[in-house]
Amino acid sequence: MSQLVRVQNFNLSSDGYGAGEGQSLERPFGHADPSALFAWCGPTAHWPTRTEPGGTYGLDDYFTRDYRNNIGAEIMGRNKFGPQRGPWENYDWQGWWGDEPPFRTPVFVLTHYPRPSITLGDTTFHFLDASPKEALKKAFDAADGADVRIGGGVSVIRDFLEAGLIDQMHIAVAPVELGGGERLWTSPDELTDRFHLERVPSPSGVTHHLFWRR
């Protein structure tokens, strides 16, 4: 069985933005309100960062439950690891994700400024200056036969789409407009030359967009 490259549980606004303008340490999504983008998934029983028992079941929980299913490695951009730009000032700061990040796999962070790997709990971050194809080869090797998740942000997903390396995507579109920031699309129909697309509305107000290769 071949390994797949998947985007999963990636959140967009209704006008196609995955993050707002002005990202900072205090505001990882810039001017965007993350509670609006993530309102559908935070209450679910299987959201990866849930720390309390309980939570909702149903359609939204189906997607959060699938987040770790057969994922052996993740690739993310530096902006998803943290807000710093340019050369690392020091190696003391270890990202936004705390002592036990939710990934629990090898994670390959794409950056023009590599640094030593970091292990936090069950997650090890590796820092690569590599093309999408080169990074994917390393991630496949580390995934031990499982799939690789492209975790974002938007620019990383665009790069992998342009390279023709993504097999499946789940994009959750929230009923909120941002008006600016990091934009994945103007319309999801832009991708239907390469992917089948099915839209699945949820009672929570989000619409799940499912893409798979033609």
N, C-alpha and C. Protein backbone atom coordinates (compact mmCIF):
# COMPACT_ATOMS: atom_id res chain seq x y z
N MET A 1 0.85 -1.20 0.00
CA MET A 1 0.00 0.00 0.00
C MET A 1 0.88 1.24 0.00
N SER A 2 0.62 2.19 -0.92
CA SER A 2 1.48 3.35 -1.04
C SER A 2 1.21 4.35 0.06
N GLN A 3 2.24 5.12 0.38
CA GLN A 3 2.09 6.19 1.36
C GLN A 3 1.41 7.39 0.70
N LEU A 4 0.54 8.05 1.46
CA LEU A 4 -0.18 9.21 0.96
C LEU A 4 0.37 10.49 1.59
N VAL A 5 0.19 11.58 0.87
CA VAL A 5 0.52 12.91 1.38
C VAL A 5 -0.81 13.62 1.60
N ARG A 6 -1.07 14.01 2.86
CA ARG A 6 -2.39 14.49 3.25
C ARG A 6 -2.31 15.84 3.94
N VAL A 7 -3.28 16.68 3.65
CA VAL A 7 -3.56 17.88 4.45
C VAL A 7 -4.81 17.56 5.24
N GLN A 8 -4.79 17.82 6.53
CA GLN A 8 -5.89 17.36 7.37
C GLN A 8 -6.24 18.39 8.44
N ASN A 9 -7.55 18.63 8.62
CA ASN A 9 -8.02 19.57 9.65
C ASN A 9 -7.38 20.94 9.49
N PHE A 10 -7.18 21.38 8.25
CA PHE A 10 -6.62 22.71 8.02
C PHE A 10 -7.77 23.69 7.90
N ASN A 11 -7.69 24.80 8.63
CA ASN A 11 -8.79 25.74 8.75
C ASN A 11 -8.60 26.97 7.88
N LEU A 12 -9.67 27.35 7.17
CA LEU A 12 -9.68 28.56 6.38
C LEU A 12 -10.90 29.40 6.72
N SER A 13 -10.79 30.70 6.47
CA SER A 13 -11.96 31.57 6.52
C SER A 13 -12.77 31.39 5.23
N SER A 14 -13.97 31.94 5.21
CA SER A 14 -14.81 31.80 4.03
C SER A 14 -14.24 32.53 2.82
N ASP A 15 -13.35 33.51 3.04
CA ASP A 15 -12.69 34.18 1.91
C ASP A 15 -11.29 33.62 1.65
N GLY A 16 -10.99 32.44 2.19
CA GLY A 16 -9.83 31.68 1.76
C GLY A 16 -8.54 31.89 2.52
N TYR A 17 -8.59 32.55 3.68
CA TYR A 17 -7.37 32.83 4.44
C TYR A 17 -7.18 31.83 5.58
N GLY A 18 -5.93 31.39 5.75
CA GLY A 18 -5.61 30.48 6.83
C GLY A 18 -5.06 31.18 8.05
N ALA A 19 -4.63 32.42 7.90
CA ALA A 19 -4.14 33.24 9.00
C ALA A 19 -4.29 34.69 8.60
N GLY A 20 -4.34 35.56 9.60
CA GLY A 20 -4.47 36.98 9.33
C GLY A 20 -3.13 37.67 9.18
N GLU A 21 -3.16 38.98 9.22
CA GLU A 21 -1.94 39.79 9.09
C GLU A 21 -1.37 40.11 10.47
N GLY A 22 -0.05 40.29 10.52
CA GLY A 22 0.59 40.73 11.76
C GLY A 22 0.83 39.62 12.77
N GLN A 23 1.31 38.48 12.31
CA GLN A 23 1.61 37.38 13.23
C GLN A 23 2.66 37.82 14.25
N SER A 24 2.48 37.40 15.49
CA SER A 24 3.43 37.71 16.56
C SER A 24 3.41 36.57 17.57
N LEU A 25 4.30 36.65 18.54
CA LEU A 25 4.34 35.64 19.59
C LEU A 25 3.01 35.58 20.33
N GLU A 26 2.41 36.74 20.56
CA GLU A 26 1.15 36.80 21.29
C GLU A 26 -0.04 36.45 20.41
N ARG A 27 0.09 36.66 19.09
CA ARG A 27 -1.02 36.43 18.16
C ARG A 27 -0.54 35.54 17.00
N PRO A 28 -0.54 34.22 17.20
CA PRO A 28 -0.03 33.31 16.16
C PRO A 28 -0.79 33.40 14.84
N PHE A 29 -2.07 33.81 14.89
CA PHE A 29 -2.86 33.93 13.67
C PHE A 29 -3.04 35.39 13.24
N GLY A 30 -2.17 36.27 13.71
CA GLY A 30 -2.26 37.67 13.34
C GLY A 30 -3.56 38.28 13.82
N HIS A 31 -4.20 39.08 12.95
CA HIS A 31 -5.43 39.75 13.37
C HIS A 31 -6.63 38.80 13.43
N ALA A 32 -6.47 37.57 12.92
CA ALA A 32 -7.58 36.60 12.94
C ALA A 32 -7.83 36.11 14.36
N ASP A 33 -9.09 35.87 14.66
CA ASP A 33 -9.49 35.31 15.95
C ASP A 33 -9.48 33.78 15.82
N PRO A 34 -8.52 33.09 16.41
CA PRO A 34 -8.47 31.63 16.25
C PRO A 34 -9.70 30.93 16.78
N SER A 35 -10.38 31.52 17.76
CA SER A 35 -11.58 30.86 18.29
C SER A 35 -12.68 30.80 17.24
N ALA A 36 -12.68 31.74 16.28
CA ALA A 36 -13.65 31.69 15.19
C ALA A 36 -13.28 30.64 14.17
N LEU A 37 -11.99 30.55 13.83
CA LEU A 37 -11.56 29.55 12.85
C LEU A 37 -11.69 28.13 13.39
N PHE A 38 -11.45 27.96 14.69
CA PHE A 38 -11.40 26.62 15.27
C PHE A 38 -12.66 26.28 16.07
N ALA A 39 -13.71 27.08 15.94
CA ALA A 39 -14.90 26.85 16.76
C ALA A 39 -15.51 25.48 16.53
N TRP A 40 -15.33 24.92 15.35
CA TRP A 40 -15.95 23.62 15.03
C TRP A 40 -15.23 22.45 15.71
N CYS A 41 -13.92 22.58 15.91
CA CYS A 41 -13.15 21.41 16.33
C CYS A 41 -12.80 21.38 17.81
N GLY A 42 -12.63 22.54 18.43
CA GLY A 42 -12.25 22.57 19.84
C GLY A 42 -13.20 21.81 20.75
N PRO A 43 -14.52 21.85 20.52
CA PRO A 43 -15.44 21.13 21.41
C PRO A 43 -15.49 19.62 21.19
N THR A 44 -14.87 19.11 20.13
CA THR A 44 -15.04 17.68 19.82
C THR A 44 -14.27 16.80 20.80
N ALA A 45 -14.73 15.58 20.92
CA ALA A 45 -14.14 14.65 21.90
C ALA A 45 -12.71 14.27 21.56
N HIS A 46 -12.34 14.30 20.28
CA HIS A 46 -11.03 13.81 19.87
C HIS A 46 -10.09 14.90 19.36
N TRP A 47 -10.40 16.17 19.65
CA TRP A 47 -9.48 17.23 19.27
C TRP A 47 -8.13 16.99 19.95
N PRO A 48 -7.01 17.00 19.18
CA PRO A 48 -5.72 16.56 19.74
C PRO A 48 -5.24 17.31 20.97
N THR A 49 -5.63 18.57 21.13
CA THR A 49 -5.16 19.33 22.29
C THR A 49 -6.17 19.35 23.44
N ARG A 50 -7.24 18.54 23.34
CA ARG A 50 -8.21 18.48 24.43
C ARG A 50 -7.55 17.92 25.68
N THR A 51 -7.73 18.59 26.80
CA THR A 51 -7.15 18.14 28.07
C THR A 51 -8.20 17.69 29.07
N GLU A 52 -9.48 17.93 28.76
CA GLU A 52 -10.54 17.55 29.68
C GLU A 52 -11.39 16.44 29.08
N PRO A 53 -12.00 15.61 29.90
CA PRO A 53 -12.87 14.55 29.37
C PRO A 53 -14.14 15.13 28.76
N GLY A 54 -14.83 14.31 28.00
CA GLY A 54 -16.08 14.76 27.39
C GLY A 54 -15.86 15.21 25.97
N GLY A 55 -16.71 16.12 25.51
CA GLY A 55 -16.62 16.60 24.15
C GLY A 55 -17.74 16.04 23.29
N THR A 56 -17.92 16.64 22.13
CA THR A 56 -19.00 16.27 21.23
C THR A 56 -18.57 15.17 20.27
N TYR A 57 -19.58 14.46 19.76
CA TYR A 57 -19.37 13.46 18.72
C TYR A 57 -20.14 13.90 17.48
N GLY A 58 -20.07 13.11 16.42
CA GLY A 58 -20.77 13.49 15.21
C GLY A 58 -19.80 13.79 14.09
N LEU A 59 -20.26 14.57 13.10
CA LEU A 59 -19.47 14.81 11.90
C LEU A 59 -18.13 15.48 12.20
N ASP A 60 -18.15 16.57 12.96
CA ASP A 60 -16.90 17.28 13.24
C ASP A 60 -15.91 16.39 13.98
N ASP A 61 -16.41 15.61 14.92
CA ASP A 61 -15.53 14.71 15.66
C ASP A 61 -14.95 13.62 14.77
N TYR A 62 -15.68 13.23 13.73
CA TYR A 62 -15.14 12.25 12.78
C TYR A 62 -13.83 12.77 12.20
N PHE A 63 -13.78 14.05 11.86
CA PHE A 63 -12.57 14.59 11.25
C PHE A 63 -11.45 14.78 12.27
N THR A 64 -11.76 15.22 13.47
CA THR A 64 -10.70 15.35 14.47
C THR A 64 -10.18 13.98 14.90
N ARG A 65 -11.05 13.00 14.92
CA ARG A 65 -10.63 11.63 15.27
C ARG A 65 -9.67 11.08 14.22
N ASP A 66 -9.84 11.51 12.98
CA ASP A 66 -9.00 11.02 11.88
C ASP A 66 -7.65 11.72 11.80
N TYR A 67 -7.43 12.71 12.66
CA TYR A 67 -6.23 13.55 12.55
C TYR A 67 -4.94 12.74 12.61
N ARG A 68 -4.87 11.78 13.51
CA ARG A 68 -3.64 11.00 13.67
C ARG A 68 -3.68 9.67 12.92
N ASN A 69 -4.79 9.36 12.27
CA ASN A 69 -4.96 8.05 11.66
C ASN A 69 -3.91 7.79 10.57
N ASN A 70 -3.03 6.83 10.82
CA ASN A 70 -1.99 6.41 9.88
C ASN A 70 -1.04 7.54 9.48
N ILE A 71 -0.82 8.50 10.35
CA ILE A 71 0.16 9.57 10.09
C ILE A 71 1.48 9.18 10.77
N GLY A 72 2.55 9.15 9.97
CA GLY A 72 3.85 8.78 10.51
C GLY A 72 4.83 9.93 10.61
N ALA A 73 4.53 11.07 9.98
CA ALA A 73 5.41 12.24 10.02
C ALA A 73 4.63 13.45 9.53
N GLU A 74 5.09 14.63 9.90
CA GLU A 74 4.48 15.88 9.45
C GLU A 74 5.55 16.79 8.89
N ILE A 75 5.14 17.60 7.90
CA ILE A 75 5.97 18.68 7.38
C ILE A 75 5.23 19.99 7.64
N MET A 76 5.92 20.96 8.21
CA MET A 76 5.32 22.27 8.46
C MET A 76 6.31 23.37 8.10
N GLY A 77 5.79 24.57 7.94
CA GLY A 77 6.64 25.73 7.73
C GLY A 77 7.13 26.30 9.05
N ARG A 78 8.13 27.13 8.94
CA ARG A 78 8.71 27.73 10.15
C ARG A 78 7.68 28.57 10.89
N ASN A 79 6.76 29.23 10.16
CA ASN A 79 5.79 30.10 10.81
C ASN A 79 4.79 29.31 11.66
N LYS A 80 4.62 28.01 11.37
CA LYS A 80 3.77 27.20 12.24
C LYS A 80 4.54 26.78 13.50
N PHE A 81 5.85 26.72 13.42
CA PHE A 81 6.65 26.41 14.60
C PHE A 81 6.72 27.61 15.53
N GLY A 82 6.84 28.80 14.96
CA GLY A 82 6.95 30.00 15.78
C GLY A 82 7.03 31.24 14.91
N PRO A 83 6.99 32.44 15.51
CA PRO A 83 6.91 33.69 14.75
C PRO A 83 8.26 34.27 14.34
N GLN A 84 9.37 33.69 14.76
CA GLN A 84 10.68 34.29 14.50
C GLN A 84 11.02 34.25 13.02
N ARG A 85 11.75 35.24 12.54
CA ARG A 85 12.20 35.31 11.16
C ARG A 85 13.72 35.44 11.13
N GLY A 86 14.32 35.06 10.02
CA GLY A 86 15.75 35.22 9.85
C GLY A 86 16.55 34.24 10.71
N PRO A 87 17.84 34.52 10.89
CA PRO A 87 18.67 33.63 11.71
C PRO A 87 18.13 33.52 13.13
N TRP A 88 18.29 32.35 13.73
CA TRP A 88 17.85 32.15 15.12
C TRP A 88 18.74 32.98 16.04
N GLU A 89 18.10 33.74 16.91
CA GLU A 89 18.88 34.52 17.88
C GLU A 89 19.55 33.61 18.89
N ASN A 90 18.85 32.56 19.29
CA ASN A 90 19.40 31.52 20.15
C ASN A 90 18.50 30.31 20.01
N TYR A 91 18.88 29.22 20.64
CA TYR A 91 18.12 27.99 20.54
C TYR A 91 17.29 27.71 21.80
N ASP A 92 17.16 28.70 22.67
CA ASP A 92 16.46 28.47 23.93
C ASP A 92 14.96 28.30 23.73
N TRP A 93 14.39 29.13 22.85
CA TRP A 93 12.95 29.05 22.63
C TRP A 93 12.64 27.85 21.74
N GLN A 94 11.66 27.04 22.14
CA GLN A 94 11.42 25.77 21.47
C GLN A 94 10.03 25.67 20.84
N GLY A 95 9.51 26.81 20.41
CA GLY A 95 8.28 26.79 19.64
C GLY A 95 7.04 27.00 20.49
N TRP A 96 5.90 27.08 19.78
CA TRP A 96 4.62 27.37 20.42
C TRP A 96 3.99 26.17 21.11
N TRP A 97 4.53 24.97 20.92
CA TRP A 97 3.73 23.77 21.15
C TRP A 97 3.86 23.16 22.53
N GLY A 98 4.68 23.73 23.41
CA GLY A 98 4.75 23.26 24.79
C GLY A 98 5.57 22.00 24.94
N ASP A 99 5.50 21.42 26.13
CA ASP A 99 6.33 20.25 26.46
C ASP A 99 5.83 18.96 25.82
N GLU A 100 4.55 18.93 25.43
CA GLU A 100 3.98 17.73 24.80
C GLU A 100 3.18 18.15 23.57
N PRO A 101 3.86 18.44 22.44
CA PRO A 101 3.15 18.85 21.23
C PRO A 101 2.18 17.76 20.77
N PRO A 102 1.14 18.14 20.04
CA PRO A 102 0.10 17.17 19.67
C PRO A 102 0.48 16.25 18.52
N PHE A 103 1.66 16.44 17.90
CA PHE A 103 1.97 15.71 16.67
C PHE A 103 2.39 14.26 16.95
N ARG A 104 3.27 14.05 17.90
CA ARG A 104 3.69 12.72 18.35
C ARG A 104 4.26 11.88 17.22
N THR A 105 4.95 12.53 16.32
CA THR A 105 5.67 11.91 15.21
C THR A 105 6.90 12.76 14.94
N PRO A 106 7.79 12.32 14.07
CA PRO A 106 8.80 13.26 13.56
C PRO A 106 8.12 14.39 12.80
N VAL A 107 8.58 15.63 13.02
CA VAL A 107 8.06 16.80 12.33
C VAL A 107 9.24 17.50 11.64
N PHE A 108 9.08 17.76 10.36
CA PHE A 108 10.13 18.42 9.58
C PHE A 108 9.71 19.86 9.32
N VAL A 109 10.46 20.79 9.90
CA VAL A 109 10.17 22.22 9.81
C VAL A 109 11.02 22.81 8.68
N LEU A 110 10.36 23.38 7.67
CA LEU A 110 11.08 23.96 6.54
C LEU A 110 11.53 25.38 6.88
N THR A 111 12.82 25.61 6.76
CA THR A 111 13.40 26.91 7.11
C THR A 111 14.70 27.10 6.35
N HIS A 112 15.02 28.35 6.05
CA HIS A 112 16.32 28.64 5.44
C HIS A 112 17.44 28.67 6.48
N TYR A 113 17.08 28.49 7.75
CA TYR A 113 18.06 28.57 8.84
C TYR A 113 17.95 27.32 9.71
N PRO A 114 18.52 26.19 9.26
CA PRO A 114 18.44 24.96 10.07
C PRO A 114 19.07 25.14 11.45
N ARG A 115 18.61 24.34 12.38
CA ARG A 115 19.14 24.31 13.74
C ARG A 115 19.09 22.87 14.24
N PRO A 116 19.72 22.56 15.36
CA PRO A 116 19.68 21.18 15.86
C PRO A 116 18.25 20.73 16.14
N SER A 117 18.02 19.44 16.01
CA SER A 117 16.70 18.86 16.28
C SER A 117 16.33 19.02 17.74
N ILE A 118 15.03 19.06 18.00
CA ILE A 118 14.48 19.20 19.35
C ILE A 118 13.50 18.07 19.59
N THR A 119 13.61 17.41 20.73
CA THR A 119 12.62 16.41 21.12
C THR A 119 11.83 16.93 22.31
N LEU A 120 10.51 16.98 22.14
CA LEU A 120 9.60 17.41 23.20
C LEU A 120 8.53 16.33 23.34
N GLY A 121 8.54 15.62 24.44
CA GLY A 121 7.60 14.53 24.61
C GLY A 121 7.80 13.47 23.54
N ASP A 122 6.72 13.15 22.82
CA ASP A 122 6.78 12.14 21.76
C ASP A 122 7.01 12.74 20.38
N THR A 123 7.35 14.02 20.32
CA THR A 123 7.55 14.71 19.05
C THR A 123 8.99 15.16 18.92
N THR A 124 9.60 14.89 17.76
CA THR A 124 10.93 15.42 17.46
C THR A 124 10.82 16.35 16.26
N PHE A 125 11.27 17.59 16.42
CA PHE A 125 11.30 18.58 15.35
C PHE A 125 12.68 18.56 14.69
N HIS A 126 12.68 18.39 13.36
CA HIS A 126 13.90 18.48 12.57
C HIS A 126 13.77 19.71 11.66
N PHE A 127 14.84 20.45 11.48
CA PHE A 127 14.81 21.72 10.75
C PHE A 127 15.59 21.58 9.45
N LEU A 128 14.88 21.77 8.32
CA LEU A 128 15.45 21.50 7.00
C LEU A 128 15.41 22.73 6.11
N ASP A 129 16.48 22.93 5.36
CA ASP A 129 16.47 23.85 4.23
C ASP A 129 16.39 22.97 3.00
N ALA A 130 15.17 22.72 2.52
CA ALA A 130 14.97 21.70 1.49
C ALA A 130 13.77 22.07 0.62
N SER A 131 13.76 21.54 -0.59
CA SER A 131 12.59 21.69 -1.47
C SER A 131 11.48 20.78 -0.97
N PRO A 132 10.23 21.00 -1.42
CA PRO A 132 9.16 20.08 -1.03
C PRO A 132 9.48 18.62 -1.34
N LYS A 133 10.03 18.34 -2.50
CA LYS A 133 10.34 16.96 -2.88
C LYS A 133 11.40 16.36 -1.96
N GLU A 134 12.43 17.14 -1.64
CA GLU A 134 13.48 16.65 -0.75
C GLU A 134 12.95 16.42 0.66
N ALA A 135 12.14 17.36 1.15
CA ALA A 135 11.58 17.21 2.49
C ALA A 135 10.65 16.01 2.55
N LEU A 136 9.87 15.78 1.50
CA LEU A 136 8.95 14.66 1.50
C LEU A 136 9.69 13.33 1.53
N LYS A 137 10.80 13.24 0.85
CA LYS A 137 11.58 12.00 0.89
C LYS A 137 12.03 11.69 2.32
N LYS A 138 12.51 12.70 3.03
CA LYS A 138 12.94 12.49 4.42
C LYS A 138 11.75 12.11 5.29
N ALA A 139 10.61 12.77 5.06
CA ALA A 139 9.43 12.47 5.87
C ALA A 139 8.92 11.06 5.61
N PHE A 140 8.91 10.63 4.36
CA PHE A 140 8.49 9.26 4.04
C PHE A 140 9.40 8.24 4.73
N ASP A 141 10.70 8.51 4.69
CA ASP A 141 11.65 7.59 5.35
C ASP A 141 11.37 7.51 6.84
N ALA A 142 11.06 8.65 7.45
CA ALA A 142 10.82 8.67 8.90
C ALA A 142 9.46 8.10 9.27
N ALA A 143 8.50 8.12 8.32
CA ALA A 143 7.13 7.70 8.62
C ALA A 143 6.97 6.20 8.71
N ASP A 144 7.96 5.45 8.31
CA ASP A 144 7.96 3.99 8.47
C ASP A 144 6.72 3.36 7.82
N GLY A 145 6.44 3.76 6.59
CA GLY A 145 5.35 3.17 5.84
C GLY A 145 4.01 3.86 5.99
N ALA A 146 3.88 4.76 6.96
CA ALA A 146 2.61 5.48 7.17
C ALA A 146 2.58 6.74 6.29
N ASP A 147 1.47 7.47 6.35
CA ASP A 147 1.29 8.67 5.54
C ASP A 147 2.02 9.86 6.14
N VAL A 148 2.17 10.89 5.32
CA VAL A 148 2.79 12.15 5.74
C VAL A 148 1.74 13.25 5.67
N ARG A 149 1.64 14.01 6.76
CA ARG A 149 0.71 15.15 6.81
C ARG A 149 1.46 16.44 6.49
N ILE A 150 0.90 17.24 5.60
CA ILE A 150 1.40 18.59 5.36
C ILE A 150 0.60 19.51 6.27
N GLY A 151 1.24 20.01 7.30
CA GLY A 151 0.53 20.68 8.38
C GLY A 151 0.28 22.15 8.16
N GLY A 152 0.92 22.76 7.16
CA GLY A 152 0.75 24.19 6.94
C GLY A 152 1.99 24.96 7.37
N GLY A 153 1.96 26.27 7.34
CA GLY A 153 0.82 27.08 6.97
C GLY A 153 0.50 27.09 5.49
N VAL A 154 -0.21 28.17 5.13
CA VAL A 154 -0.73 28.29 3.78
C VAL A 154 0.38 28.21 2.73
N SER A 155 1.49 28.91 2.94
CA SER A 155 2.55 28.94 1.92
C SER A 155 3.13 27.55 1.69
N VAL A 156 3.24 26.74 2.73
CA VAL A 156 3.76 25.38 2.58
C VAL A 156 2.78 24.52 1.79
N ILE A 157 1.49 24.63 2.09
CA ILE A 157 0.49 23.88 1.33
C ILE A 157 0.52 24.30 -0.13
N ARG A 158 0.62 25.60 -0.39
CA ARG A 158 0.70 26.06 -1.79
C ARG A 158 1.91 25.47 -2.49
N ASP A 159 3.06 25.45 -1.81
CA ASP A 159 4.28 24.93 -2.43
C ASP A 159 4.11 23.45 -2.78
N PHE A 160 3.49 22.67 -1.90
CA PHE A 160 3.31 21.25 -2.17
C PHE A 160 2.24 21.02 -3.24
N LEU A 161 1.23 21.87 -3.29
CA LEU A 161 0.26 21.79 -4.38
C LEU A 161 0.91 22.09 -5.72
N GLU A 162 1.71 23.14 -5.77
CA GLU A 162 2.37 23.52 -7.02
C GLU A 162 3.34 22.45 -7.49
N ALA A 163 3.93 21.71 -6.55
CA ALA A 163 4.84 20.63 -6.90
C ALA A 163 4.09 19.34 -7.25
N GLY A 164 2.77 19.34 -7.11
CA GLY A 164 1.97 18.15 -7.43
C GLY A 164 2.18 17.00 -6.47
N LEU A 165 2.42 17.30 -5.20
CA LEU A 165 2.81 16.26 -4.24
C LEU A 165 1.70 15.89 -3.25
N ILE A 166 0.55 16.54 -3.30
CA ILE A 166 -0.51 16.27 -2.33
C ILE A 166 -1.54 15.32 -2.94
N ASP A 167 -1.91 14.29 -2.17
CA ASP A 167 -2.88 13.29 -2.62
C ASP A 167 -4.29 13.58 -2.13
N GLN A 168 -4.42 14.02 -0.89
CA GLN A 168 -5.74 14.24 -0.29
C GLN A 168 -5.68 15.49 0.60
N MET A 169 -6.80 16.19 0.67
CA MET A 169 -6.90 17.34 1.58
C MET A 169 -8.25 17.37 2.26
N HIS A 170 -8.22 17.74 3.54
CA HIS A 170 -9.43 18.09 4.27
C HIS A 170 -9.25 19.53 4.74
N ILE A 171 -10.07 20.43 4.20
CA ILE A 171 -10.02 21.84 4.55
C ILE A 171 -11.35 22.21 5.19
N ALA A 172 -11.33 22.74 6.40
CA ALA A 172 -12.54 23.15 7.11
C ALA A 172 -12.70 24.66 6.94
N VAL A 173 -13.77 25.07 6.27
CA VAL A 173 -14.00 26.48 5.97
C VAL A 173 -15.02 27.03 6.97
N ALA A 174 -14.57 27.99 7.77
CA ALA A 174 -15.41 28.58 8.82
C ALA A 174 -16.21 29.76 8.27
N PRO A 175 -17.38 30.03 8.82
CA PRO A 175 -18.24 31.13 8.35
C PRO A 175 -17.79 32.48 8.89
N VAL A 176 -16.55 32.85 8.58
CA VAL A 176 -16.00 34.12 9.04
C VAL A 176 -15.08 34.64 7.93
N GLU A 177 -15.06 35.95 7.71
CA GLU A 177 -14.18 36.56 6.72
C GLU A 177 -13.03 37.26 7.43
N LEU A 178 -11.83 37.17 6.84
CA LEU A 178 -10.66 37.84 7.41
C LEU A 178 -10.25 39.07 6.61
N GLY A 179 -10.47 39.06 5.31
CA GLY A 179 -10.18 40.23 4.50
C GLY A 179 -8.72 40.42 4.12
N GLY A 180 -7.81 39.65 4.71
CA GLY A 180 -6.40 39.77 4.39
C GLY A 180 -5.60 38.76 5.18
N GLY A 181 -4.36 38.53 4.76
CA GLY A 181 -3.49 37.58 5.44
C GLY A 181 -2.92 36.57 4.47
N GLU A 182 -2.77 35.32 4.93
CA GLU A 182 -2.21 34.24 4.12
C GLU A 182 -3.36 33.51 3.44
N ARG A 183 -3.43 33.62 2.12
CA ARG A 183 -4.59 33.11 1.38
C ARG A 183 -4.24 31.84 0.61
N LEU A 184 -5.07 30.81 0.78
CA LEU A 184 -4.88 29.57 0.03
C LEU A 184 -5.59 29.62 -1.31
N TRP A 185 -6.79 30.19 -1.34
CA TRP A 185 -7.53 30.26 -2.59
C TRP A 185 -8.52 31.41 -2.57
N THR A 186 -8.98 31.80 -3.75
CA THR A 186 -10.13 32.68 -3.87
C THR A 186 -11.40 31.84 -3.85
N SER A 187 -11.35 30.68 -4.52
CA SER A 187 -12.44 29.72 -4.52
C SER A 187 -11.85 28.32 -4.53
N PRO A 188 -12.43 27.36 -3.80
CA PRO A 188 -11.92 25.99 -3.84
C PRO A 188 -12.02 25.36 -5.22
N ASP A 189 -12.88 25.90 -6.08
CA ASP A 189 -13.02 25.36 -7.43
C ASP A 189 -11.75 25.54 -8.25
N GLU A 190 -10.84 26.40 -7.78
CA GLU A 190 -9.56 26.56 -8.48
C GLU A 190 -8.77 25.25 -8.53
N LEU A 191 -9.06 24.34 -7.63
CA LEU A 191 -8.29 23.10 -7.54
C LEU A 191 -8.97 21.92 -8.24
N THR A 192 -10.13 22.13 -8.82
CA THR A 192 -10.88 20.99 -9.36
C THR A 192 -10.34 20.50 -10.70
N ASP A 193 -9.34 21.18 -11.27
CA ASP A 193 -8.66 20.61 -12.43
C ASP A 193 -7.77 19.45 -12.03
N ARG A 194 -7.37 19.42 -10.76
CA ARG A 194 -6.46 18.37 -10.27
C ARG A 194 -7.10 17.43 -9.26
N PHE A 195 -8.17 17.90 -8.60
CA PHE A 195 -8.77 17.13 -7.51
C PHE A 195 -10.27 17.01 -7.71
N HIS A 196 -10.82 15.90 -7.28
CA HIS A 196 -12.25 15.83 -7.01
C HIS A 196 -12.52 16.66 -5.75
N LEU A 197 -13.71 17.23 -5.66
CA LEU A 197 -14.07 18.04 -4.49
C LEU A 197 -15.47 17.69 -4.04
N GLU A 198 -15.60 17.43 -2.75
CA GLU A 198 -16.91 17.24 -2.14
C GLU A 198 -17.03 18.17 -0.94
N ARG A 199 -18.13 18.90 -0.87
CA ARG A 199 -18.39 19.81 0.24
C ARG A 199 -19.40 19.17 1.19
N VAL A 200 -19.07 19.17 2.48
CA VAL A 200 -19.95 18.54 3.46
C VAL A 200 -20.24 19.56 4.56
N PRO A 201 -21.43 20.17 4.57
CA PRO A 201 -21.75 21.14 5.63
C PRO A 201 -22.01 20.45 6.96
N SER A 202 -21.63 21.12 8.02
CA SER A 202 -21.81 20.59 9.37
C SER A 202 -22.78 21.46 10.15
N PRO A 203 -23.50 20.88 11.09
CA PRO A 203 -24.38 21.69 11.96
C PRO A 203 -23.63 22.77 12.73
N SER A 204 -22.32 22.63 12.91
CA SER A 204 -21.55 23.64 13.64
C SER A 204 -21.38 24.93 12.84
N GLY A 205 -21.70 24.89 11.54
CA GLY A 205 -21.55 26.06 10.69
C GLY A 205 -20.36 25.99 9.76
N VAL A 206 -19.40 25.11 10.05
CA VAL A 206 -18.25 24.93 9.17
C VAL A 206 -18.66 24.05 7.99
N THR A 207 -17.97 24.22 6.87
CA THR A 207 -18.16 23.32 5.72
C THR A 207 -16.86 22.59 5.47
N HIS A 208 -16.90 21.27 5.53
CA HIS A 208 -15.72 20.44 5.29
C HIS A 208 -15.56 20.25 3.78
N HIS A 209 -14.37 20.57 3.29
CA HIS A 209 -14.04 20.39 1.87
C HIS A 209 -13.07 19.23 1.75
N LEU A 210 -13.47 18.22 1.02
CA LEU A 210 -12.67 17.02 0.83
C LEU A 210 -12.16 16.96 -0.61
N PHE A 211 -10.85 16.88 -0.75
CA PHE A 211 -10.21 16.81 -2.06
C PHE A 211 -9.46 15.50 -2.18
N TRP A 212 -9.54 14.89 -3.34
CA TRP A 212 -8.68 13.73 -3.64
C TRP A 212 -8.32 13.77 -5.11
N ARG A 213 -7.14 13.22 -5.42
CA ARG A 213 -6.58 13.31 -6.78
C ARG A 213 -7.52 12.76 -7.85
N ARG A 214 -7.55 13.43 -8.98
CA ARG A 214 -8.26 12.89 -10.14
C ARG A 214 -7.42 11.77 -10.76
